[in-house]
Protein backbone atom coordinates (compact mmCIF):
# COMPACT_ATOMS: atom_id res chain seq x y z
CA MET A 1 -217.22 38.58 -29.06
CA GLY A 2 -220.50 40.35 -28.25
CA ASP A 3 -219.31 41.49 -24.80
CA GLU A 4 -217.47 44.35 -26.43
CA GLU A 5 -219.31 47.59 -27.11
CA ASN A 6 -220.82 48.28 -30.51
CA LEU A 7 -220.42 44.68 -31.71
CA ILE A 8 -223.35 42.58 -32.89
CA ILE A 9 -224.32 39.76 -30.51
CA SER A 10 -223.97 36.41 -32.22
CA VAL A 11 -226.80 34.05 -31.24
CA ALA A 12 -227.33 30.35 -31.95
CA ILE A 13 -230.50 28.34 -31.32
CA VAL A 14 -230.88 24.63 -30.54
CA GLU A 15 -234.60 23.80 -30.62
CA ASP A 16 -236.42 20.82 -32.14
CA ASP A 17 -239.74 22.68 -32.51
CA TYR A 18 -239.41 24.13 -36.02
CA ASN A 19 -242.14 26.74 -35.63
CA TYR A 20 -240.79 28.06 -32.34
CA ARG A 21 -237.21 28.05 -33.64
CA THR A 22 -238.26 29.97 -36.73
CA SER A 23 -240.20 32.54 -34.71
CA ILE A 24 -237.14 33.20 -32.51
CA LYS A 25 -234.92 33.58 -35.57
CA GLU A 26 -237.33 36.07 -37.10
CA LEU A 27 -237.53 38.01 -33.86
CA ILE A 28 -233.75 38.24 -33.58
CA SER A 29 -233.50 39.37 -37.21
CA LEU A 30 -235.56 42.45 -36.28
CA SER A 31 -232.98 43.56 -33.74
CA SER A 32 -230.11 45.80 -34.79
CA GLU A 33 -227.99 44.56 -31.87
CA MET A 34 -227.92 40.82 -32.55
CA VAL A 35 -227.99 38.22 -35.30
CA CYS A 36 -228.95 34.55 -35.35
CA SER A 37 -225.77 33.06 -36.81
CA VAL A 38 -226.95 29.47 -36.94
CA ASP A 39 -229.72 27.17 -35.70
CA PHE A 40 -230.08 23.44 -35.06
CA ASN A 41 -232.81 20.96 -34.23
CA ASN A 42 -230.54 18.76 -32.09
CA ALA A 43 -227.61 19.11 -29.68
CA GLU A 44 -225.25 16.83 -31.59
CA ASP A 45 -225.14 19.08 -34.67
CA CYS A 46 -224.58 22.12 -32.48
CA ILE A 47 -221.61 20.48 -30.76
CA THR A 48 -220.12 19.52 -34.14
CA TYR A 49 -220.49 23.13 -35.31
CA LEU A 50 -218.93 24.61 -32.16
CA LYS A 51 -215.89 22.35 -32.48
CA ALA A 52 -215.10 24.10 -35.75
CA ASN A 53 -216.61 27.54 -35.10
CA GLN A 54 -216.21 28.95 -31.60
CA SER A 55 -217.81 32.27 -32.41
CA ILE A 56 -221.17 32.21 -30.64
CA ASP A 57 -221.88 34.78 -27.91
CA VAL A 58 -225.22 33.47 -26.64
CA LEU A 59 -226.65 29.99 -27.18
CA LEU A 60 -230.38 29.38 -26.70
CA LEU A 61 -230.57 25.72 -25.77
CA ASP A 62 -233.81 23.74 -25.47
CA ILE A 63 -233.64 21.66 -22.30
CA GLY A 64 -235.94 18.92 -23.63
CA LEU A 65 -234.27 17.80 -26.86
CA PRO A 66 -234.59 14.27 -28.30
CA ARG A 67 -231.61 11.93 -28.12
CA MET A 68 -229.03 14.09 -26.31
CA SER A 69 -230.98 16.39 -23.99
CA GLY A 70 -230.08 19.99 -23.35
CA LEU A 71 -228.90 19.08 -19.85
CA GLU A 72 -226.60 16.38 -21.23
CA ALA A 73 -225.14 18.78 -23.78
CA ILE A 74 -224.27 21.63 -21.41
CA SER A 75 -220.99 20.27 -20.06
CA GLU A 76 -219.62 19.38 -23.50
CA ILE A 77 -220.64 22.71 -24.98
CA ARG A 78 -218.95 24.61 -22.15
CA GLN A 79 -215.75 22.60 -22.65
CA ILE A 80 -215.73 23.26 -26.38
CA SER A 81 -216.71 26.92 -26.24
CA SER A 82 -216.18 28.34 -22.74
CA GLY A 83 -216.90 31.89 -23.90
CA THR A 84 -220.40 31.05 -25.10
CA LYS A 85 -223.12 32.05 -22.63
CA ILE A 86 -225.86 29.43 -22.47
CA LEU A 87 -229.48 30.38 -21.93
CA ILE A 88 -231.80 27.39 -21.66
CA LEU A 89 -235.28 27.30 -23.18
CA THR A 90 -237.99 25.48 -21.31
CA GLY A 91 -241.64 24.85 -22.06
CA GLN A 92 -242.36 23.99 -18.44
CA GLU A 93 -240.54 25.69 -15.58
CA ASN A 94 -239.14 22.50 -14.06
CA GLU A 95 -237.24 24.00 -11.13
CA GLU A 96 -235.13 20.89 -10.55
CA ASN A 97 -233.82 20.80 -14.13
CA ILE A 98 -233.30 24.58 -14.19
CA TYR A 99 -231.36 24.37 -10.94
CA LYS A 100 -229.20 21.54 -12.33
CA ALA A 101 -228.48 23.60 -15.44
CA ILE A 102 -227.57 26.71 -13.40
CA LYS A 103 -225.13 24.64 -11.32
CA MET A 104 -223.58 23.40 -14.58
CA GLY A 105 -222.83 26.96 -15.63
CA VAL A 106 -225.72 28.23 -17.76
CA ARG A 107 -226.58 31.92 -17.39
CA GLY A 108 -230.31 31.49 -16.90
CA TYR A 109 -233.47 30.33 -18.60
CA LEU A 110 -236.25 31.59 -20.84
CA PRO A 111 -239.77 30.16 -20.62
CA LYS A 112 -241.16 29.52 -24.09
CA THR A 113 -244.09 31.70 -23.08
CA ALA A 114 -241.77 34.74 -22.77
CA SER A 115 -242.76 37.85 -24.72
CA SER A 116 -240.70 39.23 -27.60
CA PHE A 117 -239.40 42.02 -25.35
CA GLU A 118 -238.40 39.53 -22.63
CA ILE A 119 -236.51 37.35 -25.12
CA ILE A 120 -234.48 40.21 -26.61
CA ASN A 121 -233.91 41.86 -23.23
CA THR A 122 -232.78 38.60 -21.63
CA ILE A 123 -230.32 37.83 -24.44
CA GLU A 124 -228.83 41.33 -24.12
CA ARG A 125 -228.52 41.07 -20.34
CA VAL A 126 -226.96 37.61 -20.45
CA ASN A 127 -224.47 38.81 -23.04
CA ARG A 128 -223.50 41.66 -20.66
CA GLY A 129 -222.73 39.10 -17.96
CA HIS A 130 -225.98 39.00 -16.00
CA ILE A 131 -227.40 35.75 -14.71
CA ILE A 132 -231.16 35.31 -15.08
CA TYR A 133 -233.25 33.10 -12.82
CA SER A 134 -236.05 33.24 -10.26
CA ILE A 135 -235.64 34.06 -6.58
CA ASP A 136 -236.39 30.40 -5.70
CA ILE A 137 -233.45 29.28 -7.81
CA ALA A 138 -231.27 31.96 -6.20
CA LEU A 139 -232.15 30.67 -2.75
CA ASN A 140 -231.34 27.10 -3.76
CA ILE A 141 -227.92 28.18 -5.02
CA LEU A 142 -227.24 30.06 -1.82
CA LYS A 143 -227.88 26.92 0.20
CA ASP A 144 -224.87 25.33 -1.51
CA PHE A 145 -222.41 27.67 0.13
CA ASP A 146 -220.72 26.69 3.38
CA ASP A 147 -221.34 29.99 5.11
CA ILE A 148 -225.08 29.57 4.63
CA ASN A 149 -224.97 26.02 5.90
CA ARG A 150 -222.94 27.17 8.88
CA ALA A 151 -225.41 29.95 9.63
CA THR A 152 -228.32 27.53 9.43
CA SER A 153 -226.69 25.10 11.84
CA ILE A 154 -225.93 27.96 14.21
CA GLY A 155 -229.54 29.10 14.05
CA ASN A 156 -230.96 25.65 14.67
CA ARG A 157 -228.58 25.13 17.55
CA TYR A 158 -228.89 28.46 19.35
CA LEU A 159 -232.40 29.79 18.69
CA PRO A 160 -233.95 27.41 21.27
CA THR A 161 -231.65 28.96 23.91
CA LEU A 162 -233.15 32.42 23.41
CA THR A 163 -235.47 33.56 26.17
CA LYS A 164 -239.09 34.44 25.46
CA ARG A 165 -238.24 38.15 25.65
CA GLU A 166 -235.25 37.70 23.30
CA HIS A 167 -237.55 35.98 20.81
CA GLU A 168 -239.92 38.95 21.01
CA VAL A 169 -237.09 41.42 20.48
CA LEU A 170 -235.72 39.40 17.55
CA THR A 171 -239.17 39.19 15.93
CA MET A 172 -239.62 42.96 16.12
CA LEU A 173 -236.09 43.38 14.80
CA GLY A 174 -237.13 41.42 11.73
CA LYS A 175 -240.04 43.83 11.19
CA GLY A 176 -237.59 46.70 10.92
CA SER A 177 -238.45 48.20 14.30
CA SER A 178 -236.01 50.65 15.88
CA ASN A 179 -234.75 50.18 19.43
CA LYS A 180 -237.14 52.91 20.55
CA LYS A 181 -240.09 51.22 18.83
CA ILE A 182 -239.21 47.85 20.39
CA ALA A 183 -238.99 49.47 23.82
CA GLU A 184 -242.40 51.12 23.40
CA GLU A 185 -244.12 47.96 22.15
CA LEU A 186 -242.65 45.70 24.86
CA PHE A 187 -242.92 48.31 27.64
CA ILE A 188 -239.23 48.13 28.49
CA SER A 189 -236.42 50.67 28.46
CA ILE A 190 -234.12 51.30 25.51
CA ASN A 191 -231.23 50.15 27.70
CA SER A 192 -233.05 46.84 28.21
CA VAL A 193 -233.53 46.48 24.44
CA GLU A 194 -229.82 47.08 23.86
CA SER A 195 -228.99 44.55 26.54
CA HIS A 196 -231.26 41.94 24.92
CA LEU A 197 -229.69 42.63 21.51
CA THR A 198 -226.19 42.16 22.90
CA LYS A 199 -227.20 38.76 24.31
CA ILE A 200 -228.95 37.77 21.05
CA TYR A 201 -225.90 38.68 18.94
CA LYS A 202 -223.64 36.71 21.28
CA LYS A 203 -225.86 33.61 21.23
CA LEU A 204 -226.23 33.68 17.44
CA GLN A 205 -222.57 34.56 16.89
CA VAL A 206 -223.32 37.63 14.78
CA THR A 207 -222.42 41.30 15.08
CA ASN A 208 -225.47 43.12 13.73
CA ARG A 209 -229.22 43.11 13.08
CA ILE A 210 -229.00 41.73 9.55
CA GLY A 211 -227.01 38.69 10.69
CA ALA A 212 -229.41 37.95 13.55
CA VAL A 213 -232.53 38.23 11.38
CA ASP A 214 -231.02 36.10 8.59
CA ILE A 215 -230.18 33.27 10.99
CA ALA A 216 -233.63 33.47 12.56
CA ARG A 217 -235.29 33.12 9.14
CA GLU A 218 -233.03 30.24 8.13
CA ALA A 219 -233.90 28.45 11.37
CA GLY A 220 -237.62 28.74 10.62
CA MET A 221 -238.68 31.70 12.75
CA MET A 222 -241.67 33.51 11.28
CA ILE A 223 -240.07 36.90 10.66
CA GLU A 224 -241.32 39.27 8.01
CA ILE A 225 -239.81 42.55 6.91
CA ASN A 226 -242.17 45.45 7.48
CA ASP A 227 -243.96 46.50 4.31
CA SER A 228 -246.03 49.60 5.00
CA GLU A 229 -249.10 50.48 2.95
CA ASN A 230 -247.29 53.07 0.84
CA GLU A 231 -243.94 51.35 0.51
CA PHE A 232 -242.71 48.51 -1.71
CA LEU A 233 -239.74 46.19 -1.32
CA THR A 234 -237.40 44.89 -4.02
CA THR A 235 -234.91 42.11 -3.24
CA VAL A 236 -231.70 41.76 -5.25
CA PHE A 237 -229.08 39.00 -4.99
CA PHE A 238 -225.60 39.78 -6.31
CA PHE A 239 -223.15 37.07 -7.44
CA ASN A 240 -219.66 37.13 -8.94
CA GLN A 241 -218.74 35.29 -12.16
CA LYS A 242 -218.24 32.06 -10.20
CA GLY A 243 -221.70 32.28 -8.66
CA LYS A 244 -220.49 33.26 -5.18
CA PRO A 245 -222.56 35.83 -3.24
CA LEU A 246 -221.13 39.36 -3.15
CA ARG A 247 -221.39 41.10 0.21
CA ASP A 248 -221.19 44.86 0.93
CA ILE A 249 -222.33 45.78 -2.59
CA GLU A 250 -223.89 49.27 -2.56
CA PHE A 251 -226.75 49.83 -4.99
CA TYR A 252 -229.81 51.97 -5.61
CA PHE A 253 -232.56 52.47 -8.21
CA GLU A 254 -233.51 55.42 -10.38
CA PHE A 255 -237.14 55.34 -11.51
CA GLU A 256 -238.31 56.51 -14.93
CA SER A 257 -241.58 57.86 -13.51
CA ASP A 258 -242.50 61.55 -13.45
CA LYS A 259 -241.45 61.69 -9.81
CA ASN A 260 -237.92 60.67 -10.77
CA GLU A 261 -237.64 58.80 -7.49
CA VAL A 262 -234.15 57.70 -6.45
CA THR A 263 -234.05 55.10 -3.67
CA LYS A 264 -231.68 55.24 -0.75
CA THR A 265 -228.46 53.27 -1.14
CA SER A 266 -228.82 49.65 0.02
CA ILE A 267 -225.98 47.32 1.01
CA THR A 268 -225.91 43.53 0.51
CA ASP A 269 -225.42 41.16 3.42
CA ARG A 270 -223.08 38.16 3.56
CA HIS A 271 -225.50 36.19 1.37
CA GLY A 272 -225.29 38.78 -1.41
CA LYS A 273 -228.85 39.91 -0.63
CA GLY A 274 -229.94 43.53 -0.57
CA ILE A 275 -233.42 44.96 0.02
CA SER A 276 -234.46 48.30 -1.44
CA LYS A 277 -237.50 50.23 -0.20
CA HIS A 278 -239.37 52.45 -2.66
CA LYS A 279 -242.67 54.29 -3.04
CA SER A 280 -243.04 53.96 -6.81
CA ARG A 281 -243.82 51.07 -9.14
CA GLY A 282 -242.56 50.65 -12.67
CA LYS A 283 -239.34 50.76 -14.68
CA ALA A 284 -236.19 51.62 -12.75
CA CYS A 285 -232.48 51.53 -13.51
CA LEU A 286 -230.21 49.56 -11.17
CA ILE A 287 -227.09 51.55 -10.23
CA VAL A 288 -223.99 49.86 -8.77
CA ASP A 289 -220.81 51.87 -8.15
CA ASN A 290 -222.20 54.70 -10.30
CA MET A 291 -222.66 52.27 -13.20
CA LYS A 292 -226.02 51.49 -14.79
CA ILE A 293 -226.44 47.71 -14.69
CA GLY A 294 -229.85 47.32 -16.30
CA LYS A 295 -233.54 48.26 -16.17
CA TYR A 296 -236.07 46.31 -14.16
CA THR A 297 -239.78 46.53 -13.38
CA LEU A 298 -240.21 47.06 -9.63
CA PRO A 299 -241.21 45.80 -7.13
CA ALA A 300 -239.44 42.55 -7.92
CA GLU A 301 -237.07 39.83 -6.74
CA PHE A 302 -234.12 39.00 -8.99
CA ALA A 303 -230.44 38.09 -9.13
CA VAL A 304 -227.55 39.85 -10.88
CA MET A 305 -224.09 38.59 -11.77
CA LEU A 306 -221.32 41.22 -11.71
């Protein structure tokens, strides 16, 4: 299969628009790393083929096919060829359908307006095991997990019990303020800040700043992370192969700019979310456990499957 190094990625296309299907085939034929093995204009013929030939690495599947739709075909295709990574094609970014497809096991989606580079790059990344979707889809998936639901219920239940001063401290906490900064802004001592934090953690049933701020956001508090004039933020969600958030993942970025900026190591929270601060814009390589995962244009918000 195409997951192994130095092997050509085998791609199949299911798309009823002949012109678009042909253009994708021609684009793939220009790549030395992949080949379009077969193409279909309907899901039924694709399923028949896969029953006899389970040798496709990545399947580009139109979500809006006639007769059997792409959504209807996903489950059967995954049963027939579990090793095939499905990437859905969509002319309109219908978030509800994309979310349904992600929950059914597809590895992401490609808008039909995607550039040639985006198409080839996305196929390569999906074949390596990445999952490709927007930050809104990532947040919807996170809401399906019990720990998120538990945190939300805790937030809704306990935030009203915070005092006015505790709300102020929590808000400044969400802006990235240090204990010293909070003390200066609120005209209280650092000991008082620490005392307020202890009470906040106890009420929200968390042990650190990240946990307190996450619950506050989930409960609807208007908390924003500080984004100074000369600093950018990139948010990354990490998931395992089953789509579960990965906590305590350490990562950083290496930029390709002349400055060769390397960001400080960031660590994901219990939701699999990590935030990296950087001064540069442009192409950067994501590094996890000393391994290069892929290149991204920063600042950005994206999800990665490890």
